[in-house]
N, C-alpha and C. Protein backbone atom coordinates (compact mmCIF):
# COMPACT_ATOMS: atom_id res chain seq x y z
N MET A 1 9.73 0.46 5.72
CA MET A 1 9.22 1.28 4.55
C MET A 1 10.22 1.28 3.51
N LYS A 2 11.54 1.51 3.76
CA LYS A 2 12.56 1.51 2.71
C LYS A 2 12.63 0.14 2.12
N ARG A 3 12.56 -0.91 3.09
CA ARG A 3 12.78 -2.22 2.52
C ARG A 3 11.57 -2.65 1.55
N ASP A 4 10.41 -2.12 1.83
CA ASP A 4 9.35 -2.42 1.00
C ASP A 4 9.55 -1.75 -0.42
N ILE A 5 10.07 -0.54 -0.35
CA ILE A 5 10.33 0.21 -1.63
C ILE A 5 11.36 -0.49 -2.46
N SER A 6 12.48 -1.05 -1.77
CA SER A 6 13.51 -1.73 -2.55
C SER A 6 13.00 -3.02 -3.10
N LEU A 7 12.14 -3.75 -2.37
CA LEU A 7 11.47 -4.92 -2.91
C LEU A 7 10.65 -4.60 -4.10
N LEU A 8 9.85 -3.60 -4.03
CA LEU A 8 8.98 -3.17 -5.09
C LEU A 8 9.83 -2.74 -6.27
N SER A 9 10.91 -1.93 -6.12
CA SER A 9 11.82 -1.60 -7.29
C SER A 9 12.40 -2.84 -7.93
N LEU A 10 12.89 -3.78 -7.05
CA LEU A 10 13.45 -5.01 -7.75
C LEU A 10 12.35 -5.69 -8.61
N GLY A 11 11.16 -5.85 -8.10
CA GLY A 11 10.10 -6.54 -8.75
C GLY A 11 9.82 -5.76 -10.20
N LEU A 12 9.75 -4.50 -10.04
CA LEU A 12 9.45 -3.70 -11.26
C LEU A 12 10.58 -3.79 -12.28
N ALA A 13 11.87 -3.83 -11.77
CA ALA A 13 12.96 -4.02 -12.68
C ALA A 13 12.88 -5.31 -13.49
N SER A 14 12.46 -6.33 -12.63
CA SER A 14 12.35 -7.70 -13.45
C SER A 14 11.18 -7.71 -14.44
N LEU A 15 10.11 -6.97 -14.01
CA LEU A 15 8.92 -6.82 -14.95
C LEU A 15 9.36 -6.14 -16.18
N LEU A 16 10.04 -5.00 -16.01
CA LEU A 16 10.46 -4.14 -17.23
C LEU A 16 11.42 -4.90 -18.08
N HIS A 17 12.33 -5.80 -17.45
CA HIS A 17 13.28 -6.65 -18.15
C HIS A 17 12.48 -7.65 -19.07
N ARG A 18 11.33 -8.16 -18.67
CA ARG A 18 10.66 -9.02 -19.43
C ARG A 18 9.56 -8.16 -20.33
N LYS A 19 9.53 -6.95 -20.39
CA LYS A 19 8.73 -6.02 -21.05
C LYS A 19 7.21 -6.38 -20.99
N GLU A 20 6.81 -6.68 -19.77
CA GLU A 20 5.42 -6.87 -19.35
C GLU A 20 4.84 -5.63 -18.85
N LYS A 21 4.59 -4.65 -19.83
CA LYS A 21 4.18 -3.38 -19.27
C LYS A 21 2.76 -3.38 -18.47
N TYR A 22 1.98 -4.15 -18.97
CA TYR A 22 0.66 -4.09 -18.22
C TYR A 22 0.76 -4.64 -16.81
N LEU A 23 1.51 -5.61 -16.58
CA LEU A 23 1.99 -5.99 -15.15
C LEU A 23 2.65 -4.89 -14.36
N PHE A 24 3.54 -4.19 -14.97
CA PHE A 24 4.16 -2.96 -14.34
C PHE A 24 3.19 -2.00 -13.86
N TYR A 25 2.26 -1.63 -14.67
CA TYR A 25 1.21 -0.64 -14.34
C TYR A 25 0.30 -1.18 -13.21
N LEU A 26 0.02 -2.59 -13.37
CA LEU A 26 -0.91 -3.24 -12.41
C LEU A 26 -0.27 -3.15 -10.99
N VAL A 27 1.08 -3.55 -11.00
CA VAL A 27 1.85 -3.46 -9.65
C VAL A 27 1.83 -2.05 -9.11
N ILE A 28 2.13 -1.16 -9.86
CA ILE A 28 2.07 0.34 -9.41
C ILE A 28 0.73 0.70 -8.84
N LEU A 29 -0.25 0.42 -9.71
CA LEU A 29 -1.59 0.80 -9.16
C LEU A 29 -1.99 -0.04 -7.87
N GLY A 30 -1.68 -1.16 -7.88
CA GLY A 30 -1.98 -2.02 -6.64
C GLY A 30 -1.29 -1.51 -5.42
N TYR A 31 0.05 -1.17 -5.59
CA TYR A 31 0.78 -0.71 -4.42
C TYR A 31 0.31 0.79 -4.00
N MET A 32 -0.09 1.54 -4.83
CA MET A 32 -0.60 2.87 -4.50
C MET A 32 -1.97 2.70 -3.74
N VAL A 33 -2.80 1.92 -4.25
CA VAL A 33 -4.04 1.64 -3.56
C VAL A 33 -3.97 1.01 -2.16
N PHE A 34 -2.94 0.09 -2.09
CA PHE A 34 -2.54 -0.46 -0.78
C PHE A 34 -1.96 0.55 0.09
N TYR A 35 -1.06 1.47 -0.29
CA TYR A 35 -0.47 2.38 0.58
C TYR A 35 -1.40 3.41 1.06
N LEU A 36 -2.34 3.92 0.03
CA LEU A 36 -3.28 4.93 0.34
C LEU A 36 -4.33 4.38 1.42
N GLY A 37 -4.66 3.19 1.30
CA GLY A 37 -5.56 2.54 2.21
C GLY A 37 -5.12 2.45 3.54
N LYS A 38 -3.73 1.99 3.62
CA LYS A 38 -3.05 1.87 4.95
C LYS A 38 -2.98 3.31 5.56
N GLN A 39 -2.70 4.22 4.77
CA GLN A 39 -2.55 5.74 5.29
C GLN A 39 -3.80 6.12 5.94
N CYS A 40 -5.01 5.89 5.13
CA CYS A 40 -6.32 6.36 5.52
C CYS A 40 -6.77 5.54 6.87
N ALA A 41 -6.37 4.22 6.89
CA ALA A 41 -6.65 3.47 8.18
C ALA A 41 -5.95 4.07 9.33
N GLU A 42 -4.74 4.28 9.20
CA GLU A 42 -3.82 4.90 10.35
C GLU A 42 -4.44 6.26 10.72
N HIS A 43 -4.86 7.00 9.75
CA HIS A 43 -5.23 8.49 9.94
C HIS A 43 -6.63 8.35 10.89
N ASP A 44 -7.54 7.53 10.35
CA ASP A 44 -8.86 7.17 11.07
C ASP A 44 -8.53 6.69 12.52
N ALA A 45 -7.75 5.71 12.62
CA ALA A 45 -7.37 5.19 13.94
C ALA A 45 -6.93 6.42 14.89
N ARG A 46 -6.00 7.10 14.40
CA ARG A 46 -5.37 8.25 15.17
C ARG A 46 -6.43 9.23 15.63
N HIS A 47 -7.36 9.39 14.87
CA HIS A 47 -8.55 10.34 15.22
C HIS A 47 -9.69 9.71 15.91
N GLY A 48 -9.58 8.43 16.15
CA GLY A 48 -10.65 7.75 16.85
C GLY A 48 -11.87 7.43 16.11
N TYR A 49 -11.82 7.32 14.77
CA TYR A 49 -12.97 6.88 14.04
C TYR A 49 -13.08 5.39 14.10
N ASN A 50 -14.25 4.73 14.08
CA ASN A 50 -14.32 3.39 14.07
C ASN A 50 -14.26 2.87 12.67
N THR A 51 -13.21 1.97 12.40
CA THR A 51 -13.10 1.45 11.14
C THR A 51 -13.37 -0.08 11.38
N GLN A 52 -13.62 -0.72 10.24
CA GLN A 52 -13.89 -2.22 10.41
C GLN A 52 -12.71 -2.97 11.02
N ARG A 53 -11.52 -2.68 10.65
CA ARG A 53 -10.35 -3.45 11.19
C ARG A 53 -9.92 -2.98 12.48
N MET A 54 -10.18 -1.64 12.84
CA MET A 54 -9.69 -1.05 14.13
C MET A 54 -10.74 -0.60 15.04
N GLU A 55 -11.84 -1.43 15.29
CA GLU A 55 -12.81 -0.97 16.14
C GLU A 55 -12.41 -0.77 17.58
N THR A 56 -11.37 -1.54 18.04
CA THR A 56 -11.02 -1.50 19.51
C THR A 56 -10.11 -0.37 19.75
N THR A 57 -9.53 0.44 18.84
CA THR A 57 -8.78 1.48 19.06
C THR A 57 -9.39 2.85 19.34
N SER A 58 -10.55 2.86 19.40
CA SER A 58 -11.42 4.02 19.58
C SER A 58 -11.29 4.58 21.00
N PRO A 59 -10.88 5.83 21.11
CA PRO A 59 -10.65 6.38 22.48
C PRO A 59 -12.00 6.69 23.40
N ASN A 60 -13.17 6.69 22.65
CA ASN A 60 -14.35 7.07 23.23
C ASN A 60 -14.86 5.95 24.08
């Protein structure tokens, strides 16, 4: 997790250096959507809901 954040901050620093603001916001938004989606998938799997990616982890 910490490695992902450091890689992200390095990418953001280079984007800011080139002053490509729209890419900066796009990366932030994309990372937030990816992170929230991953959290939701883990939460669903932990509680035994059937998700498209984790059908086999259902305890039922």
